[in-house]
Amino acid sequence: MIATTCALLAATLLGISNEQAVQRLLELARDAGGDGITMEVVDFNNYSPAVCKSLREF
C-alpha cells in the first residue's frame, strides 16, 4: 500500500505515468543499495500490465 501510494504521489508530482513512477522508484531503491523487492501481499489485478512488467523485470 505504501509503495503504491508513493508511486501515485511521485507520478502526480512529476507529471509522469504511474508506470514511469514505479520504474523510477525501483531504480532509486536499487541505486541506494537495495538488493531485491519484498512484497508480502500482491494483488496483481490492482496494477496495470506495465507496472507488473516493471516489477517482474526487477
PDB file of N, CA and C in Angstrom:
ATOM      1  N   MET A   1       0.823  -1.191   0.000  1.00  0.00           N
ATOM      2  CA  MET A   1       0.000   0.000   0.000  1.00  0.00           C
ATOM      3  C   MET A   1       0.866   1.253   0.000  1.00  0.00           C
ATOM      4  N   ILE A   2       1.922   1.245   0.822  1.00  0.00           N
ATOM      5  CA  ILE A   2       2.798   2.416   0.887  1.00  0.00           C
ATOM      6  C   ILE A   2       3.484   2.645  -0.451  1.00  0.00           C
ATOM      7  N   ALA A   3       3.978   1.572  -1.055  1.00  0.00           N
ATOM      8  CA  ALA A   3       4.664   1.723  -2.345  1.00  0.00           C
ATOM      9  C   ALA A   3       3.713   2.242  -3.413  1.00  0.00           C
ATOM     10  N   THR A   4       2.481   1.751  -3.401  1.00  0.00           N
ATOM     11  CA  THR A   4       1.500   2.214  -4.371  1.00  0.00           C
ATOM     12  C   THR A   4       1.213   3.686  -4.169  1.00  0.00           C
ATOM     13  N   THR A   5       1.066   4.092  -2.915  1.00  0.00           N
ATOM     14  CA  THR A   5       0.819   5.500  -2.603  1.00  0.00           C
ATOM     15  C   THR A   5       1.999   6.352  -3.024  1.00  0.00           C
ATOM     16  N   CYS A   6       3.219   5.891  -2.765  1.00  0.00           N
ATOM     17  CA  CYS A   6       4.416   6.633  -3.167  1.00  0.00           C
ATOM     18  C   CYS A   6       4.485   6.775  -4.683  1.00  0.00           C
ATOM     19  N   ALA A   7       4.151   5.713  -5.391  1.00  0.00           N
ATOM     20  CA  ALA A   7       4.196   5.762  -6.854  1.00  0.00           C
ATOM     21  C   ALA A   7       3.161   6.745  -7.387  1.00  0.00           C
ATOM     22  N   LEU A   8       1.963   6.710  -6.825  1.00  0.00           N
ATOM     23  CA  LEU A   8       0.922   7.641  -7.275  1.00  0.00           C
ATOM     24  C   LEU A   8       1.311   9.083  -6.974  1.00  0.00           C
ATOM     25  N   LEU A   9       1.875   9.316  -5.800  1.00  0.00           N
ATOM     26  CA  LEU A   9       2.308  10.662  -5.429  1.00  0.00           C
ATOM     27  C   LEU A   9       3.439  11.133  -6.341  1.00  0.00           C
ATOM     28  N   ALA A  10       4.421  10.265  -6.576  1.00  0.00           N
ATOM     29  CA  ALA A  10       5.535  10.624  -7.449  1.00  0.00           C
ATOM     30  C   ALA A  10       5.039  10.931  -8.858  1.00  0.00           C
ATOM     31  N   ALA A  11       4.115  10.120  -9.355  1.00  0.00           N
ATOM     32  CA  ALA A  11       3.577  10.341 -10.701  1.00  0.00           C
ATOM     33  C   ALA A  11       2.890  11.694 -10.780  1.00  0.00           C
ATOM     34  N   THR A  12       2.107  12.012  -9.759  1.00  0.00           N
ATOM     35  CA  THR A  12       1.393  13.289  -9.742  1.00  0.00           C
ATOM     36  C   THR A  12       2.358  14.462  -9.667  1.00  0.00           C
ATOM     37  N   LEU A  13       3.327  14.377  -8.769  1.00  0.00           N
ATOM     38  CA  LEU A  13       4.259  15.485  -8.584  1.00  0.00           C
ATOM     39  C   LEU A  13       5.173  15.696  -9.786  1.00  0.00           C
ATOM     40  N   LEU A  14       5.575  14.609 -10.418  1.00  0.00           N
ATOM     41  CA  LEU A  14       6.498  14.703 -11.546  1.00  0.00           C
ATOM     42  C   LEU A  14       5.790  14.832 -12.887  1.00  0.00           C
ATOM     43  N   GLY A  15       4.482  14.632 -12.887  1.00  0.00           N
ATOM     44  CA  GLY A  15       3.732  14.724 -14.135  1.00  0.00           C
ATOM     45  C   GLY A  15       4.060  13.589 -15.092  1.00  0.00           C
ATOM     46  N   ILE A  16       4.277  12.391 -14.542  1.00  0.00           N
ATOM     47  CA  ILE A  16       4.591  11.219 -15.362  1.00  0.00           C
ATOM     48  C   ILE A  16       3.548  10.140 -15.091  1.00  0.00           C
ATOM     49  N   SER A  17       3.584   9.080 -15.875  1.00  0.00           N
ATOM     50  CA  SER A  17       2.628   7.986 -15.688  1.00  0.00           C
ATOM     51  C   SER A  17       2.988   7.179 -14.441  1.00  0.00           C
ATOM     52  N   ASN A  18       2.009   6.424 -13.939  1.00  0.00           N
ATOM     53  CA  ASN A  18       2.262   5.552 -12.794  1.00  0.00           C
ATOM     54  C   ASN A  18       3.361   4.542 -13.114  1.00  0.00           C
ATOM     55  N   GLU A  19       3.356   4.028 -14.334  1.00  0.00           N
ATOM     56  CA  GLU A  19       4.366   3.058 -14.743  1.00  0.00           C
ATOM     57  C   GLU A  19       5.765   3.663 -14.687  1.00  0.00           C
ATOM     58  N   GLN A  20       5.888   4.897 -15.166  1.00  0.00           N
ATOM     59  CA  GLN A  20       7.194   5.568 -15.117  1.00  0.00           C
ATOM     60  C   GLN A  20       7.610   5.826 -13.679  1.00  0.00           C
ATOM     61  N   ALA A  21       6.665   6.171 -12.828  1.00  0.00           N
ATOM     62  CA  ALA A  21       6.980   6.432 -11.415  1.00  0.00           C
ATOM     63  C   ALA A  21       7.461   5.158 -10.732  1.00  0.00           C
ATOM     64  N   VAL A  22       6.798   4.040 -11.000  1.00  0.00           N
ATOM     65  CA  VAL A  22       7.227   2.763 -10.418  1.00  0.00           C
ATOM     66  C   VAL A  22       8.641   2.443 -10.873  1.00  0.00           C
ATOM     67  N   GLN A  23       8.898   2.613 -12.156  1.00  0.00           N
ATOM     68  CA  GLN A  23      10.239   2.325 -12.682  1.00  0.00           C
ATOM     69  C   GLN A  23      11.288   3.191 -11.997  1.00  0.00           C
ATOM     70  N   ARG A  24      11.018   4.469 -11.840  1.00  0.00           N
ATOM     71  CA  ARG A  24      11.982   5.369 -11.200  1.00  0.00           C
ATOM     72  C   ARG A  24      12.198   5.023  -9.734  1.00  0.00           C
ATOM     73  N   LEU A  25      11.119   4.683  -9.020  1.00  0.00           N
ATOM     74  CA  LEU A  25      11.260   4.304  -7.615  1.00  0.00           C
ATOM     75  C   LEU A  25      12.055   3.014  -7.466  1.00  0.00           C
ATOM     76  N   LEU A  26      11.848   2.049  -8.367  1.00  0.00           N
ATOM     77  CA  LEU A  26      12.634   0.816  -8.336  1.00  0.00           C
ATOM     78  C   LEU A  26      14.110   1.112  -8.598  1.00  0.00           C
ATOM     79  N   GLU A  27      14.380   1.985  -9.546  1.00  0.00           N
ATOM     80  CA  GLU A  27      15.766   2.345  -9.849  1.00  0.00           C
ATOM     81  C   GLU A  27      16.420   3.056  -8.671  1.00  0.00           C
ATOM     82  N   LEU A  28      15.677   3.939  -8.003  1.00  0.00           N
ATOM     83  CA  LEU A  28      16.213   4.624  -6.821  1.00  0.00           C
ATOM     84  C   LEU A  28      16.545   3.629  -5.719  1.00  0.00           C
ATOM     85  N   ALA A  29      15.653   2.673  -5.484  1.00  0.00           N
ATOM     86  CA  ALA A  29      15.900   1.662  -4.455  1.00  0.00           C
ATOM     87  C   ALA A  29      17.141   0.843  -4.788  1.00  0.00           C
ATOM     88  N   ARG A  30      17.272   0.452  -6.050  1.00  0.00           N
ATOM     89  CA  ARG A  30      18.439  -0.326  -6.475  1.00  0.00           C
ATOM     90  C   ARG A  30      19.722   0.490  -6.316  1.00  0.00           C
ATOM     91  N   ASP A  31      19.677   1.733  -6.773  1.00  0.00           N
ATOM     92  CA  ASP A  31      20.869   2.585  -6.708  1.00  0.00           C
ATOM     93  C   ASP A  31      21.269   2.924  -5.277  1.00  0.00           C
ATOM     94  N   ALA A  32      20.296   2.874  -4.360  1.00  0.00           N
ATOM     95  CA  ALA A  32      20.581   3.161  -2.950  1.00  0.00           C
ATOM     96  C   ALA A  32      21.081   1.918  -2.221  1.00  0.00           C
ATOM     97  N   GLY A  33      21.196   0.812  -2.936  1.00  0.00           N
ATOM     98  CA  GLY A  33      21.757  -0.389  -2.325  1.00  0.00           C
ATOM     99  C   GLY A  33      20.749  -1.491  -2.083  1.00  0.00           C
ATOM    100  N   GLY A  34      19.518  -1.296  -2.484  1.00  0.00           N
ATOM    101  CA  GLY A  34      18.517  -2.354  -2.328  1.00  0.00           C
ATOM    102  C   GLY A  34      18.896  -3.542  -3.188  1.00  0.00           C
ATOM    103  N   ASP A  35      18.686  -4.742  -2.667  1.00  0.00           N
ATOM    104  CA  ASP A  35      19.076  -5.919  -3.435  1.00  0.00           C
ATOM    105  C   ASP A  35      17.894  -6.812  -3.790  1.00  0.00           C
ATOM    106  N   GLY A  36      16.703  -6.249  -3.749  1.00  0.00           N
ATOM    107  CA  GLY A  36      15.530  -7.019  -4.133  1.00  0.00           C
ATOM    108  C   GLY A  36      14.261  -6.312  -3.733  1.00  0.00           C
ATOM    109  N   ILE A  37      13.167  -6.920  -4.052  1.00  0.00           N
ATOM    110  CA  ILE A  37      11.853  -6.377  -3.732  1.00  0.00           C
ATOM    111  C   ILE A  37      11.126  -7.406  -2.883  1.00  0.00           C
ATOM    112  N   THR A  38      10.602  -6.969  -1.761  1.00  0.00           N
ATOM    113  CA  THR A  38       9.811  -7.837  -0.906  1.00  0.00           C
ATOM    114  C   THR A  38       8.385  -7.323  -0.917  1.00  0.00           C
ATOM    115  N   MET A  39       7.487  -8.205  -1.278  1.00  0.00           N
ATOM    116  CA  MET A  39       6.076  -7.834  -1.301  1.00  0.00           C
ATOM    117  C   MET A  39       5.312  -8.915  -0.551  1.00  0.00           C
ATOM    118  N   GLU A  40       4.719  -8.548   0.589  1.00  0.00           N
ATOM    119  CA  GLU A  40       4.004  -9.534   1.386  1.00  0.00           C
ATOM    120  C   GLU A  40       2.690  -9.935   0.747  1.00  0.00           C
ATOM    121  N   VAL A  41       1.962  -8.974   0.245  1.00  0.00           N
ATOM    122  CA  VAL A  41       0.665  -9.255  -0.364  1.00  0.00           C
ATOM    123  C   VAL A  41       0.597  -8.513  -1.696  1.00  0.00           C
ATOM    124  N   VAL A  42       0.366  -9.254  -2.733  1.00  0.00           N
ATOM    125  CA  VAL A  42       0.272  -8.627  -4.051  1.00  0.00           C
ATOM    126  C   VAL A  42      -1.023  -9.071  -4.709  1.00  0.00           C
ATOM    127  N   ASP A  43      -1.802  -8.117  -5.134  1.00  0.00           N
ATOM    128  CA  ASP A  43      -2.990  -8.389  -5.926  1.00  0.00           C
ATOM    129  C   ASP A  43      -2.736  -7.752  -7.287  1.00  0.00           C
ATOM    130  N   PHE A  44      -2.229  -8.547  -8.207  1.00  0.00           N
ATOM    131  CA  PHE A  44      -1.828  -8.003  -9.490  1.00  0.00           C
ATOM    132  C   PHE A  44      -3.003  -7.416 -10.272  1.00  0.00           C
ATOM    133  N   ASN A  45      -4.220  -7.724  -9.866  1.00  0.00           N
ATOM    134  CA  ASN A  45      -5.377  -7.130 -10.528  1.00  0.00           C
ATOM    135  C   ASN A  45      -5.480  -5.631 -10.235  1.00  0.00           C
ATOM    136  N   ASN A  46      -4.739  -5.151  -9.244  1.00  0.00           N
ATOM    137  CA  ASN A  46      -4.758  -3.729  -8.891  1.00  0.00           C
ATOM    138  C   ASN A  46      -3.692  -2.924  -9.638  1.00  0.00           C
ATOM    139  N   TYR A  47      -2.866  -3.596 -10.416  1.00  0.00           N
ATOM    140  CA  TYR A  47      -1.765  -2.926 -11.106  1.00  0.00           C
ATOM    141  C   TYR A  47      -1.931  -3.063 -12.614  1.00  0.00           C
ATOM    142  N   SER A  48      -1.495  -2.041 -13.317  1.00  0.00           N
ATOM    143  CA  SER A  48      -1.566  -2.108 -14.776  1.00  0.00           C
ATOM    144  C   SER A  48      -0.547  -3.128 -15.292  1.00  0.00           C
ATOM    145  N   PRO A  49      -0.738  -3.640 -16.485  1.00  0.00           N
ATOM    146  CA  PRO A  49       0.225  -4.585 -17.059  1.00  0.00           C
ATOM    147  C   PRO A  49       1.649  -4.012 -17.109  1.00  0.00           C
ATOM    148  N   ALA A  50       1.778  -2.719 -17.373  1.00  0.00           N
ATOM    149  CA  ALA A  50       3.106  -2.105 -17.442  1.00  0.00           C
ATOM    150  C   ALA A  50       3.784  -2.098 -16.078  1.00  0.00           C
ATOM    151  N   VAL A  51       3.029  -1.850 -15.016  1.00  0.00           N
ATOM    152  CA  VAL A  51       3.603  -1.882 -13.660  1.00  0.00           C
ATOM    153  C   VAL A  51       4.021  -3.304 -13.312  1.00  0.00           C
ATOM    154  N   CYS A  52       3.180  -4.281 -13.608  1.00  0.00           N
ATOM    155  CA  CYS A  52       3.524  -5.684 -13.336  1.00  0.00           C
ATOM    156  C   CYS A  52       4.792  -6.085 -14.094  1.00  0.00           C
ATOM    157  N   LYS A  53       4.918  -5.631 -15.320  1.00  0.00           N
ATOM    158  CA  LYS A  53       6.113  -5.931 -16.120  1.00  0.00           C
ATOM    159  C   LYS A  53       7.354  -5.344 -15.459  1.00  0.00           C
ATOM    160  N   SER A  54       7.267  -4.102 -14.982  1.00  0.00           N
ATOM    161  CA  SER A  54       8.411  -3.483 -14.307  1.00  0.00           C
ATOM    162  C   SER A  54       8.796  -4.246 -13.063  1.00  0.00           C
ATOM    163  N   LEU A  55       7.810  -4.683 -12.292  1.00  0.00           N
ATOM    164  CA  LEU A  55       8.088  -5.453 -11.072  1.00  0.00           C
ATOM    165  C   LEU A  55       8.756  -6.773 -11.409  1.00  0.00           C
ATOM    166  N   ARG A  56       8.260  -7.468 -12.439  1.00  0.00           N
ATOM    167  CA  ARG A  56       8.857  -8.752 -12.838  1.00  0.00           C
ATOM    168  C   ARG A  56      10.294  -8.570 -13.324  1.00  0.00           C
ATOM    169  N   GLU A  57      10.566  -7.498 -14.060  1.00  0.00           N
ATOM    170  CA  GLU A  57      11.912  -7.286 -14.599  1.00  0.00           C
ATOM    171  C   GLU A  57      12.929  -7.025 -13.502  1.00  0.00           C
ATOM    172  N   PHE A  58      12.506  -6.367 -12.438  1.00  0.00           N
ATOM    173  CA  PHE A  58      13.425  -6.106 -11.346  1.00  0.00           C
ATOM    174  C   PHE A  58      13.543  -7.337 -10.477  1.00  0.00           C
TER     175      PHE A  58
END
